[in-house]
Protein backbone atom coordinates (compact mmCIF):
# COMPACT_ATOMS: atom_id res chain seq x y z
CA MET A 1 79.08 169.85 65.47
CA ASP A 2 76.00 167.81 64.58
CA ALA A 3 73.33 166.63 67.00
CA LEU A 4 74.60 163.06 67.23
CA ALA A 5 78.02 164.24 68.26
CA ALA A 6 76.48 166.45 70.93
CA MET A 7 74.55 163.47 72.25
CA GLN A 8 77.73 161.39 72.26
CA ALA A 9 79.42 164.16 74.29
CA LEU A 10 76.77 163.74 76.95
CA ALA A 11 77.88 160.14 77.31
CA THR A 12 81.29 161.26 78.56
CA ALA A 13 82.24 162.34 82.10
CA GLU A 14 83.35 165.75 80.78
CA GLY A 15 80.04 166.31 79.03
CA ARG A 16 78.06 165.37 82.10
CA THR A 17 79.96 167.82 84.29
CA ASP A 18 78.33 170.73 82.40
CA PRO A 19 75.69 169.31 80.08
CA TYR A 20 74.01 172.68 79.28
CA PRO A 21 76.16 173.68 76.27
CA TRP A 22 75.44 170.26 74.70
CA TYR A 23 71.70 170.65 75.39
CA GLU A 24 71.89 174.01 73.60
CA ARG A 25 73.56 172.41 70.59
CA LEU A 26 70.91 169.72 70.44
CA ARG A 27 68.12 172.24 70.76
CA ALA A 28 69.66 174.33 68.01
CA ALA A 29 69.29 171.34 65.72
CA GLY A 30 65.59 171.11 66.42
CA PRO A 31 63.10 170.47 69.22
CA VAL A 32 62.60 166.83 68.09
CA LEU A 33 65.55 164.92 66.69
CA ALA A 34 65.91 161.50 65.13
CA LEU A 35 69.24 160.21 66.36
CA GLY A 36 69.10 156.60 65.36
CA GLU A 37 66.75 153.89 64.25
CA GLY A 38 63.70 154.16 66.51
CA PHE A 39 65.39 156.67 68.81
CA TYR A 40 64.33 160.29 69.22
CA VAL A 41 65.38 163.15 71.49
CA VAL A 42 63.16 165.97 72.58
CA THR A 43 64.65 169.32 73.68
CA GLY A 44 61.84 171.82 73.26
CA TYR A 45 59.54 172.75 76.13
CA GLN A 46 56.22 172.52 74.17
CA GLN A 47 57.18 169.18 72.63
CA ALA A 48 58.43 167.78 75.97
CA ASP A 49 55.16 168.83 77.69
CA ARG A 50 53.18 167.05 74.96
CA VAL A 51 55.14 163.81 75.31
CA LEU A 52 54.72 163.78 79.09
CA ARG A 53 50.94 164.50 79.00
CA ASP A 54 49.77 162.62 75.94
CA PRO A 55 48.64 159.10 76.91
CA SER A 56 49.72 157.94 73.46
CA PHE A 57 53.26 158.08 74.77
CA LEU A 58 53.78 155.15 77.12
CA ALA A 59 56.18 154.67 79.96
CA THR A 60 58.72 151.85 79.70
CA ASP A 61 57.06 148.66 80.81
CA ALA A 62 57.61 144.90 80.58
CA ALA A 63 56.13 144.69 77.08
CA VAL A 64 58.46 147.39 75.81
CA LEU A 65 61.46 145.84 77.46
CA ASP A 66 60.64 142.33 76.19
CA ARG A 67 60.83 143.84 72.68
CA THR A 68 63.71 146.25 73.01
CA LEU A 69 65.95 144.75 75.70
CA PRO A 70 65.80 140.97 75.70
CA GLY A 71 67.20 139.51 78.85
CA TRP A 72 66.31 142.55 81.00
CA ARG A 73 64.71 140.20 83.62
CA ALA A 74 68.21 138.91 84.47
CA SER A 75 68.84 142.23 86.19
CA ALA A 76 67.47 142.53 89.76
CA ALA A 77 67.39 146.32 89.45
CA TRP A 78 65.37 146.32 86.21
CA ARG A 79 62.99 143.63 87.55
CA TRP A 80 62.45 145.96 90.56
CA LEU A 81 61.70 148.83 88.21
CA GLY A 82 59.28 146.74 86.29
CA ARG A 83 57.20 146.21 89.40
CA THR A 84 56.96 149.95 90.24
CA MET A 85 54.52 152.57 88.94
CA LEU A 86 57.51 154.23 87.26
CA TRP A 87 57.63 151.50 84.65
CA ARG A 88 53.85 150.79 84.45
CA ASN A 89 51.05 151.94 82.20
CA PRO A 90 47.24 151.88 82.79
CA PRO A 91 45.55 150.23 84.53
CA ASP A 92 48.39 149.13 86.83
CA HIS A 93 49.97 152.54 86.97
CA GLY A 94 46.82 154.18 88.39
CA ARG A 95 46.31 151.42 90.91
CA LEU A 96 49.79 151.76 92.33
CA ARG A 97 49.74 155.52 92.22
CA ARG A 98 46.53 155.69 94.20
CA LEU A 99 48.15 153.51 96.93
CA ALA A 100 51.01 155.96 97.35
CA GLY A 101 48.86 159.07 97.08
CA SER A 102 47.62 158.93 100.67
CA ALA A 103 51.14 159.69 101.95
CA PHE A 104 51.52 162.81 99.80
CA THR A 105 48.23 164.64 100.04
CA ALA A 106 48.32 168.47 100.45
CA ARG A 107 46.95 168.15 103.97
CA ARG A 108 49.54 165.58 105.07
CA THR A 109 52.35 167.59 103.50
CA ALA A 110 51.22 170.77 105.22
CA GLN A 111 51.14 168.93 108.55
CA LEU A 112 54.76 168.07 108.17
CA ARG A 113 55.96 171.71 108.09
CA PRO A 114 56.66 171.94 111.89
CA ASP A 115 58.67 168.71 111.70
CA VAL A 116 60.64 169.97 108.73
CA VAL A 117 61.40 173.23 110.52
CA ARG A 118 62.65 171.30 113.57
CA LEU A 119 64.76 169.04 111.43
CA VAL A 120 66.28 171.98 109.53
CA ASP A 121 67.08 173.86 112.71
CA GLY A 122 68.72 170.79 114.19
CA LEU A 123 70.90 170.21 111.10
CA ILE A 124 71.96 173.91 111.02
CA ASP A 125 73.04 173.56 114.64
CA GLY A 126 75.39 170.84 113.55
CA MET A 127 76.88 173.01 110.75
CA ALA A 128 77.41 176.20 112.70
CA GLY A 129 81.08 176.75 113.53
CA PRO A 130 84.42 177.80 112.13
CA ASP A 131 85.24 174.61 110.23
CA PRO A 132 84.21 173.74 106.66
CA VAL A 133 81.54 171.03 106.24
CA ASP A 134 80.20 169.16 103.29
CA PHE A 135 76.72 170.44 102.73
CA MET A 136 75.67 167.25 101.02
CA ASP A 137 76.64 165.06 104.02
CA ALA A 138 75.61 167.50 106.70
CA PHE A 139 72.28 168.76 105.31
CA ALA A 140 71.22 167.82 101.78
CA PHE A 141 71.05 164.12 102.49
CA PRO A 142 69.86 163.83 106.16
CA LEU A 143 66.95 166.25 105.77
CA PRO A 144 64.96 164.52 103.02
CA VAL A 145 65.84 161.05 104.15
CA ALA A 146 64.59 161.78 107.64
CA VAL A 147 61.29 163.05 106.24
CA ILE A 148 60.63 160.23 103.80
CA CYS A 149 61.66 157.57 106.31
CA ALA A 150 59.27 159.01 108.87
CA LEU A 151 56.46 158.86 106.36
CA LEU A 152 57.26 155.29 105.34
CA GLY A 153 57.91 154.04 108.84
CA VAL A 154 61.60 153.29 108.45
CA PRO A 155 63.50 153.26 111.76
CA GLU A 156 65.84 156.22 112.33
CA SER A 157 68.75 153.89 113.02
CA ASP A 158 68.60 152.51 109.45
CA ARG A 159 68.63 155.77 107.55
CA ASP A 160 72.35 156.04 106.83
CA TRP A 161 72.29 152.48 105.51
CA PHE A 162 70.08 153.59 102.64
CA ARG A 163 72.29 156.29 101.15
CA PRO A 164 74.84 154.16 99.21
CA ARG A 165 72.16 151.68 98.15
CA ALA A 166 69.88 154.39 96.85
CA HIS A 167 72.85 155.89 95.02
CA ASP A 168 73.63 152.54 93.39
CA LEU A 169 70.03 151.62 92.64
CA THR A 170 69.46 154.79 90.62
CA LEU A 171 72.35 153.78 88.33
CA ALA A 172 69.72 151.54 86.65
CA LEU A 173 67.75 154.72 85.75
CA GLU A 174 70.60 156.67 84.25
CA VAL A 175 70.34 157.88 80.68
CA PHE A 176 73.23 155.67 79.54
CA ALA A 177 72.49 152.80 81.85
CA GLY A 178 73.68 149.31 81.09
CA ASP A 179 77.44 149.07 81.58
CA PRO A 180 78.35 145.96 83.61
CA ASP A 181 79.93 147.75 86.61
CA SER A 182 76.99 150.14 87.10
CA MET A 183 74.35 147.48 86.63
CA GLY A 184 76.19 145.11 88.98
CA ARG A 185 76.08 147.76 91.70
CA ALA A 186 72.41 148.50 90.95
CA ASP A 187 71.49 144.80 91.10
CA THR A 188 73.27 144.35 94.42
CA ALA A 189 71.47 147.36 95.83
CA ALA A 190 68.11 146.03 94.60
CA VAL A 191 68.62 142.68 96.28
CA GLU A 192 69.73 144.26 99.56
CA LEU A 193 66.79 146.70 99.57
CA GLU A 194 64.35 143.95 98.80
CA ASP A 195 65.65 141.83 101.69
CA TYR A 196 65.45 144.83 104.01
CA PHE A 197 61.88 145.70 103.19
CA VAL A 198 60.69 142.09 103.33
CA GLY A 199 61.99 141.98 106.89
CA LEU A 200 60.56 145.42 107.80
CA LEU A 201 57.19 144.54 106.45
CA ALA A 202 57.12 141.32 108.48
CA HIS A 203 57.90 143.38 111.59
CA ARG A 204 55.23 145.96 110.78
CA ARG A 205 52.68 143.25 110.11
CA ALA A 206 53.06 142.24 113.73
CA HIS A 207 53.37 145.82 115.03
CA PRO A 208 51.21 148.13 112.80
CA GLY A 209 51.58 151.91 113.04
CA ASP A 210 50.51 155.18 111.37
CA ASP A 211 52.74 155.00 108.34
CA MET A 212 52.82 153.85 104.73
CA LEU A 213 54.19 150.45 105.57
CA SER A 214 51.00 149.75 107.54
CA ASP A 215 48.80 151.25 104.85
CA LEU A 216 50.41 149.06 102.20
CA LEU A 217 49.98 145.90 104.32
CA ALA A 218 46.27 146.78 104.62
CA ALA A 219 46.09 147.24 100.84
CA GLY A 220 47.83 143.90 100.36
CA ALA A 221 45.32 142.20 102.65
CA ALA A 222 42.57 143.70 100.53
CA GLY A 223 44.15 142.29 97.32
CA GLN A 224 45.11 145.73 95.95
CA ILE A 225 48.83 145.06 95.70
CA GLY A 226 51.00 141.97 95.52
CA GLY A 227 53.92 141.18 97.84
CA ALA A 228 56.69 141.73 95.25
CA GLU A 229 54.97 144.91 94.09
CA MET A 230 54.78 146.13 97.70
CA VAL A 231 58.50 145.76 98.29
CA ALA A 232 59.38 147.44 95.00
CA HIS A 233 56.84 150.20 95.70
CA LEU A 234 58.50 151.00 99.08
CA ALA A 235 61.97 151.06 97.60
CA LEU A 236 60.87 153.44 94.86
CA LEU A 237 59.19 155.81 97.35
CA LEU A 238 62.25 155.76 99.56
CA VAL A 239 64.74 156.37 96.74
CA ALA A 240 62.59 158.98 94.93
CA GLY A 241 61.71 160.62 98.21
CA PHE A 242 65.17 161.82 98.99
CA GLU A 243 67.36 161.34 95.93
CA THR A 244 65.74 164.22 93.99
CA THR A 245 65.38 166.51 97.00
CA THR A 246 69.00 166.00 97.99
CA ASN A 247 69.99 167.16 94.53
CA LEU A 248 67.54 170.05 94.65
CA LEU A 249 69.10 171.30 97.86
CA GLY A 250 72.66 171.00 96.62
CA ASN A 251 72.06 172.44 93.14
CA GLY A 252 69.94 175.23 94.57
CA LEU A 253 72.50 176.29 97.19
CA ALA A 254 75.32 176.29 94.61
CA ALA A 255 73.27 178.54 92.31
CA LEU A 256 72.34 180.80 95.17
CA LEU A 257 75.81 181.24 96.67
CA ALA A 258 77.24 182.14 93.23
CA ARG A 259 74.96 185.22 93.33
CA PRO A 260 75.52 187.29 96.42
CA ASP A 261 72.89 189.85 95.55
CA LEU A 262 70.17 187.20 95.35
CA THR A 263 71.50 185.51 98.49
CA ALA A 264 71.07 188.80 100.30
CA GLU A 265 67.60 189.30 98.85
CA LEU A 266 66.28 185.92 99.97
CA ARG A 267 67.82 186.42 103.44
CA ALA A 268 65.97 189.70 103.77
CA HIS A 269 62.74 188.42 102.14
CA PRO A 270 62.11 184.75 103.09
CA GLU A 271 58.59 185.09 101.64
CA LEU A 272 60.22 184.85 98.20
CA ALA A 273 61.35 181.25 98.88
CA GLY A 274 58.66 179.78 96.67
CA ALA A 275 59.79 181.71 93.62
CA TYR A 276 63.48 180.97 94.36
CA VAL A 277 62.85 177.22 94.64
CA GLU A 278 60.89 177.15 91.36
CA GLU A 279 63.80 178.89 89.61
CA MET A 280 66.26 176.45 91.17
CA LEU A 281 64.16 173.56 89.79
CA ARG A 282 64.14 175.13 86.35
CA TYR A 283 67.72 176.37 86.18
CA ASP A 284 69.50 173.17 87.25
CA PRO A 285 66.90 170.42 87.73
CA PRO A 286 67.71 167.38 89.89
CA VAL A 287 66.22 165.04 87.26
CA GLN A 288 67.42 165.93 83.84
CA ALA A 289 65.84 163.36 81.54
CA THR A 290 63.11 160.73 81.21
CA SER A 291 61.89 158.43 78.47
CA ARG A 292 58.63 157.40 76.81
CA HIS A 293 57.72 155.06 73.93
CA ALA A 294 55.29 155.78 71.12
CA GLY A 295 52.28 153.60 71.72
CA GLN A 296 51.23 153.92 68.08
CA ASP A 297 52.35 155.73 64.91
CA LEU A 298 52.51 159.39 65.92
CA ALA A 299 53.83 162.74 64.78
CA LEU A 300 55.62 165.22 67.12
CA ASP A 301 56.28 168.74 65.78
CA GLY A 302 56.05 167.31 62.27
CA VAL A 303 58.45 164.49 62.95
CA PRO A 304 56.90 161.00 62.34
CA LEU A 305 57.39 158.56 65.20
CA PRO A 306 56.78 154.95 64.43
CA ALA A 307 54.97 152.79 67.01
CA GLY A 308 57.47 151.53 69.59
CA ALA A 309 59.94 154.39 69.05
CA GLU A 310 61.91 155.43 72.16
CA VAL A 311 61.54 159.12 72.94
CA MET A 312 64.12 160.61 75.36
CA VAL A 313 62.84 163.82 76.91
CA LEU A 314 65.68 166.07 78.04
CA LEU A 315 63.83 167.95 80.74
CA ALA A 316 66.82 170.19 81.51
CA ALA A 317 67.04 171.25 77.84
CA ALA A 318 63.35 172.03 77.77
CA ALA A 319 63.81 174.13 80.93
CA ARG A 320 66.16 176.40 78.98
CA ASP A 321 64.09 176.66 75.84
CA PRO A 322 64.19 180.40 74.78
CA GLY A 323 60.83 179.93 73.17
CA ARG A 324 59.37 179.38 76.64
CA TYR A 325 61.70 181.28 78.96
CA ALA A 326 63.21 184.74 78.42
CA ARG A 327 67.03 184.65 78.91
CA PRO A 328 66.88 180.98 79.97
CA ASP A 329 70.54 180.74 80.93
CA ARG A 330 70.13 183.40 83.59
CA PHE A 331 69.14 182.47 87.13
CA ASP A 332 66.18 184.82 87.74
CA PRO A 333 63.68 184.08 90.52
CA HIS A 334 61.68 187.13 89.40
CA ARG A 335 60.89 185.84 85.94
CA ASP A 336 57.17 185.38 84.99
CA PRO A 337 56.10 182.08 86.41
CA VAL A 338 55.98 179.33 83.84
CA PRO A 339 55.46 175.76 85.17
CA SER A 340 58.68 173.82 84.86
CA LEU A 341 58.84 170.18 83.87
CA SER A 342 61.33 169.26 86.57
CA PHE A 343 58.85 167.00 88.26
CA GLY A 344 57.41 165.71 85.03
CA ALA A 345 53.78 166.23 83.91
CA GLY A 346 50.75 164.24 83.20
CA ALA A 347 49.97 160.83 84.67
CA HIS A 348 53.54 160.31 85.93
CA TYR A 349 53.89 163.72 87.60
CA CYS A 350 56.03 163.19 90.71
CA LEU A 351 53.85 162.46 93.75
CA GLY A 352 56.46 163.83 96.10
CA ALA A 353 56.80 167.23 94.40
CA PRO A 354 54.85 169.15 97.12
CA LEU A 355 57.06 167.54 99.78
CA ALA A 356 60.27 168.41 98.02
CA ARG A 357 59.13 171.98 97.53
CA LEU A 358 58.17 172.24 101.19
CA GLU A 359 61.59 171.02 102.37
CA ALA A 360 63.43 173.43 100.05
CA GLN A 361 61.18 176.39 100.85
CA VAL A 362 61.77 175.88 104.55
CA ALA A 363 65.47 175.08 104.26
CA PHE A 364 66.85 178.02 102.25
CA PRO A 365 65.51 181.01 104.27
CA LEU A 366 66.52 179.27 107.56
CA LEU A 367 70.00 178.49 106.26
CA LEU A 368 70.59 182.09 105.21
CA ARG A 369 69.09 183.61 108.37
CA ARG A 370 70.88 181.41 110.79
CA LEU A 371 74.22 181.25 108.93
CA PRO A 372 74.68 184.83 107.72
CA GLY A 373 78.27 184.15 106.65
CA LEU A 374 77.41 181.06 104.63
CA ARG A 375 79.71 180.66 101.64
CA LEU A 376 81.51 178.05 99.56
CA ALA A 377 84.64 176.76 101.19
CA GLY A 378 86.34 175.12 98.20
CA PRO A 379 85.76 173.42 94.87
CA ALA A 380 82.54 171.46 94.57
CA LEU A 381 82.57 167.97 93.12
CA ARG A 382 79.79 166.90 90.74
CA ARG A 383 78.47 163.32 90.63
CA ASP A 384 79.15 161.65 87.34
CA ARG A 385 75.53 161.39 86.39
CA LEU A 386 73.31 162.87 83.73
CA GLY A 387 69.77 161.70 84.61
CA PHE A 388 70.13 162.52 88.33
CA ARG A 389 72.23 165.67 88.50
CA GLY A 390 73.78 166.62 91.83
CA PHE A 391 76.88 167.04 93.87
CA ALA A 392 79.04 164.41 95.41
CA ALA A 393 80.57 167.11 97.69
CA LEU A 394 79.70 170.78 98.26
CA PRO A 395 82.05 172.21 100.86
CA ILE A 396 80.73 175.26 102.72
CA ILE A 397 81.62 177.32 105.76
CA ALA A 398 79.22 179.18 108.04
């Protein structure tokens, strides 16, 4: 099977259920592949790392979209993305990133540990018992959404409201985004989230607090961020703040429970949680792909890339590159540490990575210690996604 056929397989629901064999076929064809006019796919670790770090490779922005996707501004979801740092390049990217950075400093993240422990313990209390529960509903969603909403200043009563809207909004970020049904749902979610944050900002303007909403309002008053940017910024932080961590928790637990010897080891040695979480991120990353565009004529691993070319970076394929990882298809928390690309790299490295790691490093040892009989209680159901890989349902019993 040639590389184009493997890529086409990833566009099907069956291919997305287990994309790793298709990643392997793509990687076997080469670390950098030309799969269409102006379209390239990167599967090798070294090459992916270069694309993510080299400022000659640009994030998707309005200029790129005006050239490659005329009419994109008709989509509320894509207009929202165009206002965020995710789809910005210098100097706007740095300006927006600095505004968010204050919420995710190492000091502020470390201060959250007692709160995360308390939240984890409370969620485990709700799962303990003889009946099966869906880990995604009972734990993997409520933990990160509680943490990010507290940071942003979102009322606790509104947290469940965000889940379906965040799910739908990220459809606009999928690898094969653009079908009318998915984009319709994404656009509706974008409009509803915008309306929500406009109202919440108005309330916080009258009642400031110690949260990012108040910080952003102060930045807006100083002329550092516009009103539409502010709303989009908050929606991005909310969605990114729990969508990836939810998938990390689900993917990680599934990988762990399939290996009783490693489950027992982590239960006995909670100090190994850091290494286990890093391997979870590498083995089955919650974000599997991202894209860049060549800002000028470039060459990558000997492959010429014309200016404007779209470069899809398959992060999950790079994470199983045998040139970088020994026995990459094996889940091995004891492997020599090699930085994964699961949170990206370079200027767009995920701001919330330390927070996601903290939540997972706290969660897994406590889950295993407090629920010694924890096991799968039936077939898991994967979400039909490629870019954001996770479970729709993961039944467990304590």
